PDB file of N, CA and C in Angstrom:
ATOM      1  N   MET A   1       0.824  -1.189   0.000  1.00  0.00           N
ATOM      2  CA  MET A   1       0.000   0.000   0.000  1.00  0.00           C
ATOM      3  C   MET A   1       0.873   1.260   0.000  1.00  0.00           C
ATOM      4  N   ALA A   2       1.964   1.220   0.748  1.00  0.00           N
ATOM      5  CA  ALA A   2       2.863   2.383   0.794  1.00  0.00           C
ATOM      6  C   ALA A   2       3.465   2.662  -0.577  1.00  0.00           C
ATOM      7  N   LEU A   3       3.768   1.619  -1.341  1.00  0.00           N
ATOM      8  CA  LEU A   3       4.323   1.790  -2.683  1.00  0.00           C
ATOM      9  C   LEU A   3       3.337   2.514  -3.592  1.00  0.00           C
ATOM     10  N   VAL A   4       2.060   2.201  -3.502  1.00  0.00           N
ATOM     11  CA  VAL A   4       1.036   2.868  -4.296  1.00  0.00           C
ATOM     12  C   VAL A   4       0.968   4.346  -3.938  1.00  0.00           C
ATOM     13  N   VAL A   5       1.021   4.673  -2.663  1.00  0.00           N
ATOM     14  CA  VAL A   5       0.972   6.065  -2.217  1.00  0.00           C
ATOM     15  C   VAL A   5       2.198   6.828  -2.711  1.00  0.00           C
ATOM     16  N   VAL A   6       3.376   6.244  -2.593  1.00  0.00           N
ATOM     17  CA  VAL A   6       4.609   6.916  -3.032  1.00  0.00           C
ATOM     18  C   VAL A   6       4.588   7.148  -4.532  1.00  0.00           C
ATOM     19  N   THR A   7       4.195   6.156  -5.329  1.00  0.00           N
ATOM     20  CA  THR A   7       4.154   6.343  -6.778  1.00  0.00           C
ATOM     21  C   THR A   7       3.107   7.379  -7.179  1.00  0.00           C
ATOM     22  N   ALA A   8       2.007   7.452  -6.462  1.00  0.00           N
ATOM     23  CA  ALA A   8       0.995   8.470  -6.746  1.00  0.00           C
ATOM     24  C   ALA A   8       1.526   9.865  -6.457  1.00  0.00           C
ATOM     25  N   VAL A   9       2.207  10.041  -5.356  1.00  0.00           N
ATOM     26  CA  VAL A   9       2.765  11.344  -4.993  1.00  0.00           C
ATOM     27  C   VAL A   9       3.817  11.789  -6.007  1.00  0.00           C
ATOM     28  N   LEU A  10       4.615  10.864  -6.499  1.00  0.00           N
ATOM     29  CA  LEU A  10       5.668  11.198  -7.449  1.00  0.00           C
ATOM     30  C   LEU A  10       5.164  11.429  -8.867  1.00  0.00           C
ATOM     31  N   GLY A  11       3.933  11.070  -9.160  1.00  0.00           N
ATOM     32  CA  GLY A  11       3.369  11.391 -10.454  1.00  0.00           C
ATOM     33  C   GLY A  11       2.972  10.246 -11.339  1.00  0.00           C
ATOM     34  N   PHE A  12       3.070   9.029 -10.895  1.00  0.00           N
ATOM     35  CA  PHE A  12       2.702   7.906 -11.740  1.00  0.00           C
ATOM     36  C   PHE A  12       1.219   7.926 -12.079  1.00  0.00           C
ATOM     37  N   PHE A  13       0.370   8.398 -11.179  1.00  0.00           N
ATOM     38  CA  PHE A  13      -1.072   8.393 -11.401  1.00  0.00           C
ATOM     39  C   PHE A  13      -1.646   9.769 -11.718  1.00  0.00           C
ATOM     40  N   GLY A  14      -0.847  10.754 -11.949  1.00  0.00           N
ATOM     41  CA  GLY A  14      -1.422  12.068 -12.190  1.00  0.00           C
ATOM     42  C   GLY A  14      -0.424  13.083 -12.676  1.00  0.00           C
ATOM     43  N   ASN A  15      -0.674  14.315 -12.358  1.00  0.00           N
ATOM     44  CA  ASN A  15       0.075  15.450 -12.876  1.00  0.00           C
ATOM     45  C   ASN A  15       1.114  15.912 -11.855  1.00  0.00           C
ATOM     46  N   ARG A  16       2.173  15.162 -11.695  1.00  0.00           N
ATOM     47  CA  ARG A  16       3.230  15.457 -10.731  1.00  0.00           C
ATOM     48  C   ARG A  16       4.579  15.502 -11.428  1.00  0.00           C
ATOM     49  N   PRO A  17       5.658  15.802 -10.709  1.00  0.00           N
ATOM     50  CA  PRO A  17       6.979  15.983 -11.336  1.00  0.00           C
ATOM     51  C   PRO A  17       7.455  14.825 -12.210  1.00  0.00           C
ATOM     52  N   LEU A  18       7.232  13.601 -11.823  1.00  0.00           N
ATOM     53  CA  LEU A  18       7.724  12.479 -12.618  1.00  0.00           C
ATOM     54  C   LEU A  18       6.794  12.084 -13.760  1.00  0.00           C
ATOM     55  N   SER A  19       5.632  12.728 -13.863  1.00  0.00           N
ATOM     56  CA  SER A  19       4.683  12.335 -14.903  1.00  0.00           C
ATOM     57  C   SER A  19       4.981  12.983 -16.254  1.00  0.00           C
ATOM     58  N   HIS A  20       5.843  13.985 -16.294  1.00  0.00           N
ATOM     59  CA  HIS A  20       6.159  14.676 -17.546  1.00  0.00           C
ATOM     60  C   HIS A  20       7.590  14.393 -17.965  1.00  0.00           C
ATOM     61  N   ARG A  21       7.808  14.412 -19.265  1.00  0.00           N
ATOM     62  CA  ARG A  21       9.136  14.165 -19.816  1.00  0.00           C
ATOM     63  C   ARG A  21       9.443  15.248 -20.833  1.00  0.00           C
ATOM     64  N   ARG A  22      10.689  15.673 -20.894  1.00  0.00           N
ATOM     65  CA  ARG A  22      11.120  16.681 -21.866  1.00  0.00           C
ATOM     66  C   ARG A  22      12.391  16.183 -22.530  1.00  0.00           C
ATOM     67  N   LEU A  23      12.383  16.142 -23.860  1.00  0.00           N
ATOM     68  CA  LEU A  23      13.538  15.752 -24.644  1.00  0.00           C
ATOM     69  C   LEU A  23      13.997  16.948 -25.459  1.00  0.00           C
ATOM     70  N   ARG A  24      15.295  17.179 -25.488  1.00  0.00           N
ATOM     71  CA  ARG A  24      15.838  18.318 -26.239  1.00  0.00           C
ATOM     72  C   ARG A  24      16.834  17.841 -27.278  1.00  0.00           C
ATOM     73  N   SER A  25      16.838  18.553 -28.400  1.00  0.00           N
ATOM     74  CA  SER A  25      17.857  18.353 -29.423  1.00  0.00           C
ATOM     75  C   SER A  25      18.299  19.736 -29.889  1.00  0.00           C
ATOM     76  N   ASP A  26      19.147  19.781 -30.891  1.00  0.00           N
ATOM     77  CA  ASP A  26      19.590  21.075 -31.421  1.00  0.00           C
ATOM     78  C   ASP A  26      18.458  21.837 -32.085  1.00  0.00           C
ATOM     79  N   ASN A  27      17.449  21.115 -32.598  1.00  0.00           N
ATOM     80  CA  ASN A  27      16.387  21.746 -33.368  1.00  0.00           C
ATOM     81  C   ASN A  27      15.043  21.860 -32.669  1.00  0.00           C
ATOM     82  N   ALA A  28      14.832  21.111 -31.582  1.00  0.00           N
ATOM     83  CA  ALA A  28      13.500  21.126 -30.962  1.00  0.00           C
ATOM     84  C   ALA A  28      13.531  20.608 -29.538  1.00  0.00           C
ATOM     85  N   THR A  29      12.453  20.946 -28.813  1.00  0.00           N
ATOM     86  CA  THR A  29      12.170  20.385 -27.496  1.00  0.00           C
ATOM     87  C   THR A  29      10.806  19.715 -27.590  1.00  0.00           C
ATOM     88  N   VAL A  30      10.713  18.481 -27.109  1.00  0.00           N
ATOM     89  CA  VAL A  30       9.461  17.732 -27.129  1.00  0.00           C
ATOM     90  C   VAL A  30       9.051  17.473 -25.691  1.00  0.00           C
ATOM     91  N   ARG A  31       7.806  17.824 -25.351  1.00  0.00           N
ATOM     92  CA  ARG A  31       7.267  17.590 -24.007  1.00  0.00           C
ATOM     93  C   ARG A  31       6.062  16.673 -24.123  1.00  0.00           C
ATOM     94  N   TYR A  32       5.992  15.706 -23.220  1.00  0.00           N
ATOM     95  CA  TYR A  32       4.872  14.768 -23.229  1.00  0.00           C
ATOM     96  C   TYR A  32       4.705  14.162 -21.855  1.00  0.00           C
ATOM     97  N   GLN A  33       3.539  13.524 -21.647  1.00  0.00           N
ATOM     98  CA  GLN A  33       3.293  12.825 -20.391  1.00  0.00           C
ATOM     99  C   GLN A  33       3.961  11.465 -20.458  1.00  0.00           C
ATOM    100  N   ARG A  34       4.720  11.148 -19.456  1.00  0.00           N
ATOM    101  CA  ARG A  34       5.460   9.889 -19.413  1.00  0.00           C
ATOM    102  C   ARG A  34       4.543   8.681 -19.284  1.00  0.00           C
ATOM    103  N   PHE A  35       3.490   8.807 -18.498  1.00  0.00           N
ATOM    104  CA  PHE A  35       2.589   7.690 -18.249  1.00  0.00           C
ATOM    105  C   PHE A  35       1.222   8.002 -18.842  1.00  0.00           C
ATOM    106  N   GLY A  36       0.899   7.390 -19.973  1.00  0.00           N
ATOM    107  CA  GLY A  36      -0.390   7.612 -20.616  1.00  0.00           C
ATOM    108  C   GLY A  36      -1.458   6.719 -20.033  1.00  0.00           C
ATOM    109  N   ARG A  37      -2.680   7.107 -20.223  1.00  0.00           N
ATOM    110  CA  ARG A  37      -3.818   6.311 -19.791  1.00  0.00           C
ATOM    111  C   ARG A  37      -4.413   5.638 -21.018  1.00  0.00           C
ATOM    112  N   VAL A  38      -4.978   4.451 -20.859  1.00  0.00           N
ATOM    113  CA  VAL A  38      -5.468   3.679 -21.998  1.00  0.00           C
ATOM    114  C   VAL A  38      -6.461   4.487 -22.833  1.00  0.00           C
ATOM    115  N   ASP A  39      -7.473   5.046 -22.225  1.00  0.00           N
ATOM    116  CA  ASP A  39      -8.455   5.835 -22.958  1.00  0.00           C
ATOM    117  C   ASP A  39      -8.369   7.322 -22.629  1.00  0.00           C
ATOM    118  N   GLY A  40      -7.307   7.732 -21.993  1.00  0.00           N
ATOM    119  CA  GLY A  40      -7.152   9.125 -21.607  1.00  0.00           C
ATOM    120  C   GLY A  40      -6.558   9.960 -22.725  1.00  0.00           C
ATOM    121  N   ARG A  41      -6.844  11.219 -22.686  1.00  0.00           N
ATOM    122  CA  ARG A  41      -6.315  12.157 -23.671  1.00  0.00           C
ATOM    123  C   ARG A  41      -5.009  12.734 -23.154  1.00  0.00           C
ATOM    124  N   THR A  42      -4.032  12.826 -24.014  1.00  0.00           N
ATOM    125  CA  THR A  42      -2.756  13.417 -23.678  1.00  0.00           C
ATOM    126  C   THR A  42      -2.283  14.252 -24.862  1.00  0.00           C
ATOM    127  N   SER A  43      -1.271  15.028 -24.674  1.00  0.00           N
ATOM    128  CA  SER A  43      -0.765  15.817 -25.788  1.00  0.00           C
ATOM    129  C   SER A  43       0.753  15.754 -25.831  1.00  0.00           C
ATOM    130  N   VAL A  44       1.267  15.963 -27.014  1.00  0.00           N
ATOM    131  CA  VAL A  44       2.698  16.051 -27.245  1.00  0.00           C
ATOM    132  C   VAL A  44       2.947  17.456 -27.770  1.00  0.00           C
ATOM    133  N   ARG A  45       3.862  18.161 -27.148  1.00  0.00           N
ATOM    134  CA  ARG A  45       4.155  19.539 -27.532  1.00  0.00           C
ATOM    135  C   ARG A  45       5.561  19.585 -28.112  1.00  0.00           C
ATOM    136  N   VAL A  46       5.679  20.091 -29.331  1.00  0.00           N
ATOM    137  CA  VAL A  46       6.965  20.219 -30.006  1.00  0.00           C
ATOM    138  C   VAL A  46       7.245  21.700 -30.189  1.00  0.00           C
ATOM    139  N   GLU A  47       8.379  22.154 -29.667  1.00  0.00           N
ATOM    140  CA  GLU A  47       8.766  23.555 -29.828  1.00  0.00           C
ATOM    141  C   GLU A  47      10.114  23.603 -30.527  1.00  0.00           C
ATOM    142  N   ALA A  48      10.114  24.173 -31.720  1.00  0.00           N
ATOM    143  CA  ALA A  48      11.332  24.260 -32.516  1.00  0.00           C
ATOM    144  C   ALA A  48      12.223  25.378 -31.994  1.00  0.00           C
ATOM    145  N   THR A  49      13.514  25.170 -32.091  1.00  0.00           N
ATOM    146  CA  THR A  49      14.464  26.222 -31.740  1.00  0.00           C
ATOM    147  C   THR A  49      14.519  27.225 -32.883  1.00  0.00           C
ATOM    148  N   PRO A  50      15.010  28.433 -32.629  1.00  0.00           N
ATOM    149  CA  PRO A  50      15.100  29.440 -33.699  1.00  0.00           C
ATOM    150  C   PRO A  50      15.901  28.961 -34.916  1.00  0.00           C
ATOM    151  N   THR A  51      16.867  28.074 -34.723  1.00  0.00           N
ATOM    152  CA  THR A  51      17.663  27.589 -35.860  1.00  0.00           C
ATOM    153  C   THR A  51      16.864  26.688 -36.791  1.00  0.00           C
ATOM    154  N   ALA A  52      15.750  26.138 -36.339  1.00  0.00           N
ATOM    155  CA  ALA A  52      14.921  25.264 -37.170  1.00  0.00           C
ATOM    156  C   ALA A  52      13.888  26.038 -37.984  1.00  0.00           C
ATOM    157  N   VAL A  53      13.762  27.317 -37.733  1.00  0.00           N
ATOM    158  CA  VAL A  53      12.753  28.143 -38.399  1.00  0.00           C
ATOM    159  C   VAL A  53      13.316  28.681 -39.712  1.00  0.00           C
ATOM    160  N   THR A  54      12.553  28.499 -40.785  1.00  0.00           N
ATOM    161  CA  THR A  54      12.920  29.026 -42.099  1.00  0.00           C
ATOM    162  C   THR A  54      11.767  29.867 -42.612  1.00  0.00           C
ATOM    163  N   GLY A  55      12.006  31.125 -42.848  1.00  0.00           N
ATOM    164  CA  GLY A  55      10.946  32.002 -43.348  1.00  0.00           C
ATOM    165  C   GLY A  55       9.793  32.168 -42.394  1.00  0.00           C
ATOM    166  N   GLY A  56      10.053  32.094 -41.103  1.00  0.00           N
ATOM    167  CA  GLY A  56       9.008  32.266 -40.100  1.00  0.00           C
ATOM    168  C   GLY A  56       8.205  31.008 -39.814  1.00  0.00           C
ATOM    169  N   ASN A  57       8.497  29.939 -40.520  1.00  0.00           N
ATOM    170  CA  ASN A  57       7.785  28.678 -40.320  1.00  0.00           C
ATOM    171  C   ASN A  57       8.764  27.534 -40.115  1.00  0.00           C
ATOM    172  N   VAL A  58       8.212  26.425 -39.691  1.00  0.00           N
ATOM    173  CA  VAL A  58       9.029  25.244 -39.434  1.00  0.00           C
ATOM    174  C   VAL A  58       8.301  24.016 -39.968  1.00  0.00           C
ATOM    175  N   GLU A  59       9.067  22.996 -40.303  1.00  0.00           N
ATOM    176  CA  GLU A  59       8.477  21.733 -40.727  1.00  0.00           C
ATOM    177  C   GLU A  59       8.776  20.702 -39.654  1.00  0.00           C
ATOM    178  N   ILE A  60       7.730  19.997 -39.215  1.00  0.00           N
ATOM    179  CA  ILE A  60       7.890  18.979 -38.173  1.00  0.00           C
ATOM    180  C   ILE A  60       7.467  17.641 -38.751  1.00  0.00           C
ATOM    181  N   TRP A  61       8.378  16.672 -38.669  1.00  0.00           N
ATOM    182  CA  TRP A  61       8.144  15.330 -39.197  1.00  0.00           C
ATOM    183  C   TRP A  61       7.783  14.413 -38.036  1.00  0.00           C
ATOM    184  N   VAL A  62       6.713  13.625 -38.218  1.00  0.00           N
ATOM    185  CA  VAL A  62       6.250  12.688 -37.197  1.00  0.00           C
ATOM    186  C   VAL A  62       6.306  11.280 -37.789  1.00  0.00           C
ATOM    187  N   ALA A  63       6.951  10.367 -37.073  1.00  0.00           N
ATOM    188  CA  ALA A  63       7.143   8.999 -37.553  1.00  0.00           C
ATOM    189  C   ALA A  63       5.818   8.246 -37.671  1.00  0.00           C
ATOM    190  N   GLN A  64       5.732   7.399 -38.673  1.00  0.00           N
ATOM    191  CA  GLN A  64       4.543   6.587 -38.910  1.00  0.00           C
ATOM    192  C   GLN A  64       4.244   5.681 -37.718  1.00  0.00           C
ATOM    193  N   ASP A  65       5.275   5.172 -37.064  1.00  0.00           N
ATOM    194  CA  ASP A  65       5.071   4.324 -35.878  1.00  0.00           C
ATOM    195  C   ASP A  65       4.284   5.057 -34.804  1.00  0.00           C
ATOM    196  N   PHE A  66       4.603   6.335 -34.580  1.00  0.00           N
ATOM    197  CA  PHE A  66       3.874   7.145 -33.596  1.00  0.00           C
ATOM    198  C   PHE A  66       2.421   7.306 -34.022  1.00  0.00           C
ATOM    199  N   LEU A  67       2.212   7.628 -35.296  1.00  0.00           N
ATOM    200  CA  LEU A  67       0.854   7.855 -35.788  1.00  0.00           C
ATOM    201  C   LEU A  67       0.002   6.595 -35.738  1.00  0.00           C
ATOM    202  N   GLU A  68       0.619   5.425 -35.879  1.00  0.00           N
ATOM    203  CA  GLU A  68      -0.120   4.175 -35.790  1.00  0.00           C
ATOM    204  C   GLU A  68      -0.421   3.788 -34.338  1.00  0.00           C
ATOM    205  N   ALA A  69       0.450   4.188 -33.425  1.00  0.00           N
ATOM    206  CA  ALA A  69       0.275   3.829 -32.011  1.00  0.00           C
ATOM    207  C   ALA A  69      -0.713   4.739 -31.293  1.00  0.00           C
ATOM    208  N   TYR A  70      -0.899   5.970 -31.789  1.00  0.00           N
ATOM    209  CA  TYR A  70      -1.761   6.944 -31.119  1.00  0.00           C
ATOM    210  C   TYR A  70      -2.796   7.488 -32.085  1.00  0.00           C
ATOM    211  N   ASP A  71      -3.967   7.807 -31.562  1.00  0.00           N
ATOM    212  CA  ASP A  71      -5.003   8.470 -32.348  1.00  0.00           C
ATOM    213  C   ASP A  71      -4.796   9.969 -32.210  1.00  0.00           C
ATOM    214  N   VAL A  72      -4.281  10.608 -33.238  1.00  0.00           N
ATOM    215  CA  VAL A  72      -4.070  12.054 -33.206  1.00  0.00           C
ATOM    216  C   VAL A  72      -5.395  12.711 -33.552  1.00  0.00           C
ATOM    217  N   GLU A  73      -5.977  13.396 -32.570  1.00  0.00           N
ATOM    218  CA  GLU A  73      -7.279  14.020 -32.755  1.00  0.00           C
ATOM    219  C   GLU A  73      -7.177  15.420 -33.341  1.00  0.00           C
ATOM    220  N   ASP A  74      -6.121  16.131 -33.006  1.00  0.00           N
ATOM    221  CA  ASP A  74      -5.955  17.464 -33.577  1.00  0.00           C
ATOM    222  C   ASP A  74      -4.487  17.872 -33.565  1.00  0.00           C
ATOM    223  N   VAL A  75      -4.180  18.800 -34.452  1.00  0.00           N
ATOM    224  CA  VAL A  75      -2.851  19.384 -34.554  1.00  0.00           C
ATOM    225  C   VAL A  75      -3.040  20.890 -34.431  1.00  0.00           C
ATOM    226  N   THR A  76      -2.368  21.488 -33.467  1.00  0.00           N
ATOM    227  CA  THR A  76      -2.528  22.916 -33.198  1.00  0.00           C
ATOM    228  C   THR A  76      -1.167  23.581 -33.195  1.00  0.00           C
ATOM    229  N   PRO A  77      -0.964  24.676 -33.900  1.00  0.00           N
ATOM    230  CA  PRO A  77      -1.857  25.288 -34.879  1.00  0.00           C
ATOM    231  C   PRO A  77      -1.941  24.421 -36.128  1.00  0.00           C
ATOM    232  N   GLU A  78      -3.005  24.608 -36.890  1.00  0.00           N
ATOM    233  CA  GLU A  78      -3.199  23.807 -38.083  1.00  0.00           C
ATOM    234  C   GLU A  78      -2.100  24.119 -39.094  1.00  0.00           C
ATOM    235  N   PRO A  79      -1.420  23.100 -39.606  1.00  0.00           N
ATOM    236  CA  PRO A  79      -0.348  23.347 -40.578  1.00  0.00           C
ATOM    237  C   PRO A  79      -0.920  23.810 -41.919  1.00  0.00           C
ATOM    238  N   SER A  80      -0.119  24.555 -42.676  1.00  0.00           N
ATOM    239  CA  SER A  80      -0.582  24.997 -43.989  1.00  0.00           C
ATOM    240  C   SER A  80      -0.558  23.848 -44.987  1.00  0.00           C
ATOM    241  N   SER A  81       0.305  22.854 -44.739  1.00  0.00           N
ATOM    242  CA  SER A  81       0.315  21.670 -45.605  1.00  0.00           C
ATOM    243  C   SER A  81       0.800  20.460 -44.817  1.00  0.00           C
ATOM    244  N   THR A  82       0.341  19.300 -45.262  1.00  0.00           N
ATOM    245  CA  THR A  82       0.737  18.023 -44.681  1.00  0.00           C
ATOM    246  C   THR A  82       1.136  17.115 -45.828  1.00  0.00           C
ATOM    247  N   SER A  83       2.284  16.474 -45.705  1.00  0.00           N
ATOM    248  CA  SER A  83       2.725  15.581 -46.775  1.00  0.00           C
ATOM    249  C   SER A  83       3.270  14.288 -46.189  1.00  0.00           C
ATOM    250  N   THR A  84       3.015  13.208 -46.915  1.00  0.00           N
ATOM    251  CA  THR A  84       3.514  11.903 -46.506  1.00  0.00           C
ATOM    252  C   THR A  84       4.942  11.759 -47.019  1.00  0.00           C
ATOM    253  N   ARG A  85       5.812  11.334 -46.152  1.00  0.00           N
ATOM    254  CA  ARG A  85       7.208  11.090 -46.511  1.00  0.00           C
ATOM    255  C   ARG A  85       7.556   9.676 -46.093  1.00  0.00           C
ATOM    256  N   ALA A  86       8.693   9.198 -46.520  1.00  0.00           N
ATOM    257  CA  ALA A  86       9.131   7.849 -46.169  1.00  0.00           C
ATOM    258  C   ALA A  86       9.135   7.679 -44.656  1.00  0.00           C
ATOM    259  N   GLY A  87       8.270   6.823 -44.152  1.00  0.00           N
ATOM    260  CA  GLY A  87       8.252   6.509 -42.734  1.00  0.00           C
ATOM    261  C   GLY A  87       7.541   7.502 -41.849  1.00  0.00           C
ATOM    262  N   GLY A  88       6.771   8.448 -42.427  1.00  0.00           N
ATOM    263  CA  GLY A  88       6.084   9.396 -41.568  1.00  0.00           C
ATOM    264  C   GLY A  88       5.329  10.470 -42.321  1.00  0.00           C
ATOM    265  N   VAL A  89       4.951  11.517 -41.576  1.00  0.00           N
ATOM    266  CA  VAL A  89       4.199  12.638 -42.114  1.00  0.00           C
ATOM    267  C   VAL A  89       4.901  13.927 -41.706  1.00  0.00           C
ATOM    268  N   ALA A  90       4.974  14.867 -42.641  1.00  0.00           N
ATOM    269  CA  ALA A  90       5.578  16.175 -42.354  1.00  0.00           C
ATOM    270  C   ALA A  90       4.480  17.220 -42.283  1.00  0.00           C
ATOM    271  N   PHE A  91       4.478  17.989 -41.200  1.00  0.00           N
ATOM    272  CA  PHE A  91       3.568  19.116 -41.027  1.00  0.00           C
ATOM    273  C   PHE A  91       4.369  20.374 -41.327  1.00  0.00           C
ATOM    274  N   SER A  92       3.945  21.133 -42.339  1.00  0.00           N
ATOM    275  CA  SER A  92       4.695  22.314 -42.768  1.00  0.00           C
ATOM    276  C   SER A  92       3.887  23.581 -42.548  1.00  0.00           C
ATOM    277  N   GLY A  93       4.619  24.682 -42.439  1.00  0.00           N
ATOM    278  CA  GLY A  93       3.968  25.981 -42.324  1.00  0.00           C
ATOM    279  C   GLY A  93       3.408  26.248 -40.950  1.00  0.00           C
ATOM    280  N   VAL A  94       3.954  25.617 -39.931  1.00  0.00           N
ATOM    281  CA  VAL A  94       3.491  25.863 -38.572  1.00  0.00           C
ATOM    282  C   VAL A  94       4.443  26.830 -37.898  1.00  0.00           C
ATOM    283  N   SER A  95       3.994  27.437 -36.831  1.00  0.00           N
ATOM    284  CA  SER A  95       4.867  28.306 -36.066  1.00  0.00           C
ATOM    285  C   SER A  95       5.859  27.435 -35.301  1.00  0.00           C
ATOM    286  N   ARG A  96       6.606  28.000 -34.395  1.00  0.00           N
ATOM    287  CA  ARG A  96       7.609  27.245 -33.645  1.00  0.00           C
ATOM    288  C   ARG A  96       7.005  26.209 -32.709  1.00  0.00           C
ATOM    289  N   LEU A  97       5.706  26.294 -32.478  1.00  0.00           N
ATOM    290  CA  LEU A  97       5.062  25.405 -31.516  1.00  0.00           C
ATOM    291  C   LEU A  97       4.019  24.544 -32.218  1.00  0.00           C
ATOM    292  N   LEU A  98       4.047  23.255 -31.991  1.00  0.00           N
ATOM    293  CA  LEU A  98       3.063  22.331 -32.563  1.00  0.00           C
ATOM    294  C   LEU A  98       2.601  21.419 -31.439  1.00  0.00           C
ATOM    295  N   ARG A  99       1.302  21.243 -31.327  1.00  0.00           N
ATOM    296  CA  ARG A  99       0.737  20.366 -30.297  1.00  0.00           C
ATOM    297  C   ARG A  99      -0.093  19.281 -30.979  1.00  0.00           C
ATOM    298  N   LEU A 100       0.278  18.041 -30.688  1.00  0.00           N
ATOM    299  CA  LEU A 100      -0.477  16.885 -31.171  1.00  0.00           C
ATOM    300  C   LEU A 100      -1.304  16.380 -30.018  1.00  0.00           C
ATOM    301  N   GLY A 101      -2.593  16.282 -30.198  1.00  0.00           N
ATOM    302  CA  GLY A 101      -3.441  15.842 -29.099  1.00  0.00           C
ATOM    303  C   GLY A 101      -4.479  14.872 -29.507  1.00  0.00           C
TER     304      GLY A 101
END
């Protein structure tokens, strides 16, 4: 019982410090919930660095494996174009921030 309480406090069952994950690269930061719920809604937030921006917009590529594993209900802001590429989908014409939910 104590293990359940400790994991809940640390974020395994909700919105706590260990429940979120942030990955950084030279071109972007990706934030997401570490522990998803089977039928729960979650979002993935991608924020491009200034070096990834071309002409005020950025292109974000999402792997086909991700798209098959999750039901993407919306993309915010809506991209000006979407194209299928080898192994994934590219969202183009978005600002530095893209949210998949």
